[in-house]
Amino acid sequence: MRLRYRAQALADIDAIQQYLDERSPSGAHSVVRAIYASIQLIAEHPLSYQRTDDPEIRVHAVRRYRYRIFYSVTGDTVEIVHVRHTARRPWAGEQTGGGTA
């Protein structure tokens, strides 16, 4: 599968890295590496992960670090939509009716 990132997802990953880098550069590297490893799993098995209330969006949990990766699948392309920590309020895409962050 081909991978594509929405600008929001790239901004999310950048913000996560910046936030964590101020606290622990090595920790930030580990978290970002785990996020990208999860994205690779999504690309390899895109239909294996949980659907959200929005039928176009699926979610994969990066369990060790409690991040969730929201993505859609169209044809042979996986589009990474949004990445967020589970401690934050639910994203509109997780609730009935879908939406954006």
C-alpha atoms as a PDB file:
ATOM      1  CA  MET A   1       0.000   0.000   0.000  1.00  0.00           C
ATOM      2  CA  ARG A   2       1.063   3.546  -0.698  1.00  0.00           C
ATOM      3  CA  LEU A   3       1.186   5.958   2.224  1.00  0.00           C
ATOM      4  CA  ARG A   4      -0.019   9.543   2.178  1.00  0.00           C
ATOM      5  CA  TYR A   5      -0.111  11.962   5.102  1.00  0.00           C
ATOM      6  CA  ARG A   6      -2.552  14.786   5.599  1.00  0.00           C
ATOM      7  CA  ALA A   7      -0.970  18.030   6.720  1.00  0.00           C
ATOM      8  CA  GLN A   8      -2.746  17.608  10.077  1.00  0.00           C
ATOM      9  CA  ALA A   9      -1.072  14.235  10.691  1.00  0.00           C
ATOM     10  CA  LEU A  10       2.379  15.604   9.883  1.00  0.00           C
ATOM     11  CA  ALA A  11       1.739  18.573  12.177  1.00  0.00           C
ATOM     12  CA  ASP A  12       0.571  16.185  14.905  1.00  0.00           C
ATOM     13  CA  ILE A  13       3.749  14.102  14.702  1.00  0.00           C
ATOM     14  CA  ASP A  14       5.904  17.237  14.660  1.00  0.00           C
ATOM     15  CA  ALA A  15       4.095  18.649  17.718  1.00  0.00           C
ATOM     16  CA  ILE A  16       4.456  15.337  19.566  1.00  0.00           C
ATOM     17  CA  GLN A  17       8.169  15.270  18.829  1.00  0.00           C
ATOM     18  CA  GLN A  18       8.700  18.900  19.873  1.00  0.00           C
ATOM     19  CA  TYR A  19       6.715  18.473  23.094  1.00  0.00           C
ATOM     20  CA  LEU A  20       8.560  15.315  24.112  1.00  0.00           C
ATOM     21  CA  ASP A  21      11.968  16.526  22.911  1.00  0.00           C
ATOM     22  CA  GLU A  22      11.856  19.327  25.501  1.00  0.00           C
ATOM     23  CA  ARG A  23      11.421  16.716  28.216  1.00  0.00           C
ATOM     24  CA  SER A  24      13.460  13.781  26.943  1.00  0.00           C
ATOM     25  CA  PRO A  25      15.169  13.750  23.536  1.00  0.00           C
ATOM     26  CA  SER A  26      15.738   9.988  23.655  1.00  0.00           C
ATOM     27  CA  GLY A  27      12.133   9.438  24.759  1.00  0.00           C
ATOM     28  CA  ALA A  28      10.896  11.618  21.912  1.00  0.00           C
ATOM     29  CA  HIS A  29      12.916   9.554  19.453  1.00  0.00           C
ATOM     30  CA  SER A  30      11.457   6.305  20.834  1.00  0.00           C
ATOM     31  CA  VAL A  31       7.884   7.564  20.642  1.00  0.00           C
ATOM     32  CA  VAL A  32       8.210   8.917  17.111  1.00  0.00           C
ATOM     33  CA  ARG A  33       9.927   5.703  16.008  1.00  0.00           C
ATOM     34  CA  ALA A  34       7.024   3.686  17.490  1.00  0.00           C
ATOM     35  CA  ILE A  35       4.482   5.890  15.700  1.00  0.00           C
ATOM     36  CA  TYR A  36       6.198   5.364  12.343  1.00  0.00           C
ATOM     37  CA  ALA A  37       6.532   1.607  13.007  1.00  0.00           C
ATOM     38  CA  SER A  38       2.779   1.511  13.650  1.00  0.00           C
ATOM     39  CA  ILE A  39       2.139   3.424  10.449  1.00  0.00           C
ATOM     40  CA  GLN A  40       4.179   0.793   8.598  1.00  0.00           C
ATOM     41  CA  LEU A  41       1.982  -1.943  10.147  1.00  0.00           C
ATOM     42  CA  ILE A  42      -1.083  -0.041   9.000  1.00  0.00           C
ATOM     43  CA  ALA A  43       0.325   0.092   5.457  1.00  0.00           C
ATOM     44  CA  GLU A  44       0.955  -3.665   5.524  1.00  0.00           C
ATOM     45  CA  HIS A  45      -2.453  -4.586   7.019  1.00  0.00           C
ATOM     46  CA  PRO A  46      -4.762  -1.600   6.473  1.00  0.00           C
ATOM     47  CA  LEU A  47      -8.071  -3.381   7.003  1.00  0.00           C
ATOM     48  CA  SER A  48      -6.985  -5.145  10.193  1.00  0.00           C
ATOM     49  CA  TYR A  49      -7.645  -2.309  12.577  1.00  0.00           C
ATOM     50  CA  GLN A  50     -10.756  -0.951  14.253  1.00  0.00           C
ATOM     51  CA  ARG A  51     -13.304   1.180  12.442  1.00  0.00           C
ATOM     52  CA  THR A  52     -14.498   4.386  14.048  1.00  0.00           C
ATOM     53  CA  ASP A  53     -18.031   5.779  13.966  1.00  0.00           C
ATOM     54  CA  ASP A  54     -17.011   7.414  10.691  1.00  0.00           C
ATOM     55  CA  PRO A  55     -17.107   4.559   8.161  1.00  0.00           C
ATOM     56  CA  GLU A  56     -14.200   6.087   6.225  1.00  0.00           C
ATOM     57  CA  ILE A  57     -11.828   6.234   9.208  1.00  0.00           C
ATOM     58  CA  ARG A  58     -10.009   3.433  11.013  1.00  0.00           C
ATOM     59  CA  VAL A  59      -7.802   3.671  14.091  1.00  0.00           C
ATOM     60  CA  HIS A  60      -4.703   1.867  15.297  1.00  0.00           C
ATOM     61  CA  ALA A  61      -3.401   2.166  18.863  1.00  0.00           C
ATOM     62  CA  VAL A  62       0.294   2.598  19.590  1.00  0.00           C
ATOM     63  CA  ARG A  63      -0.292   0.912  22.933  1.00  0.00           C
ATOM     64  CA  ARG A  64       3.037   1.361  24.671  1.00  0.00           C
ATOM     65  CA  TYR A  65       2.851   5.125  24.275  1.00  0.00           C
ATOM     66  CA  ARG A  66      -0.933   5.526  24.233  1.00  0.00           C
ATOM     67  CA  TYR A  67      -1.195   7.267  20.871  1.00  0.00           C
ATOM     68  CA  ARG A  68      -3.910   6.583  18.317  1.00  0.00           C
ATOM     69  CA  ILE A  69      -3.357   6.832  14.577  1.00  0.00           C
ATOM     70  CA  PHE A  70      -6.446   7.641  12.521  1.00  0.00           C
ATOM     71  CA  TYR A  71      -6.359   6.753   8.839  1.00  0.00           C
ATOM     72  CA  SER A  72      -8.452   6.016   5.788  1.00  0.00           C
ATOM     73  CA  VAL A  73      -8.031   3.492   2.991  1.00  0.00           C
ATOM     74  CA  THR A  74      -8.856   4.337  -0.609  1.00  0.00           C
ATOM     75  CA  GLY A  75      -7.864   1.913  -3.346  1.00  0.00           C
ATOM     76  CA  ASP A  76      -4.181   1.159  -2.862  1.00  0.00           C
ATOM     77  CA  THR A  77      -3.515   4.190  -0.651  1.00  0.00           C
ATOM     78  CA  VAL A  78      -3.513   4.559   3.123  1.00  0.00           C
ATOM     79  CA  GLU A  79      -3.927   8.158   4.207  1.00  0.00           C
ATOM     80  CA  ILE A  80      -2.789   9.022   7.718  1.00  0.00           C
ATOM     81  CA  VAL A  81      -5.315  11.561   8.931  1.00  0.00           C
ATOM     82  CA  HIS A  82      -4.522  12.362  12.554  1.00  0.00           C
ATOM     83  CA  VAL A  83      -2.308  11.237  15.466  1.00  0.00           C
ATOM     84  CA  ARG A  84      -3.238  11.989  19.075  1.00  0.00           C
ATOM     85  CA  HIS A  85      -2.593  10.859  22.626  1.00  0.00           C
ATOM     86  CA  THR A  86      -5.380   8.927  24.337  1.00  0.00           C
ATOM     87  CA  ALA A  87      -5.308  11.286  27.342  1.00  0.00           C
ATOM     88  CA  ARG A  88      -6.757  14.051  25.163  1.00  0.00           C
ATOM     89  CA  ARG A  89     -10.479  14.485  24.661  1.00  0.00           C
ATOM     90  CA  PRO A  90     -11.860  12.192  21.949  1.00  0.00           C
ATOM     91  CA  TRP A  91     -11.342  13.438  18.439  1.00  0.00           C
ATOM     92  CA  ALA A  92     -14.466  14.291  16.459  1.00  0.00           C
ATOM     93  CA  GLY A  93     -13.586  11.395  14.125  1.00  0.00           C
ATOM     94  CA  GLU A  94     -14.133   8.994  17.040  1.00  0.00           C
ATOM     95  CA  GLN A  95     -17.652  10.204  17.707  1.00  0.00           C
ATOM     96  CA  THR A  96     -20.842   9.549  15.782  1.00  0.00           C
ATOM     97  CA  GLY A  97     -20.980  11.597  12.620  1.00  0.00           C
ATOM     98  CA  GLY A  98     -17.219  11.828  12.080  1.00  0.00           C
ATOM     99  CA  GLY A  99     -15.535  15.155  11.548  1.00  0.00           C
ATOM    100  CA  THR A 100     -12.110  16.686  11.774  1.00  0.00           C
ATOM    101  CA  ALA A 101      -9.854  17.858  14.560  1.00  0.00           C
END
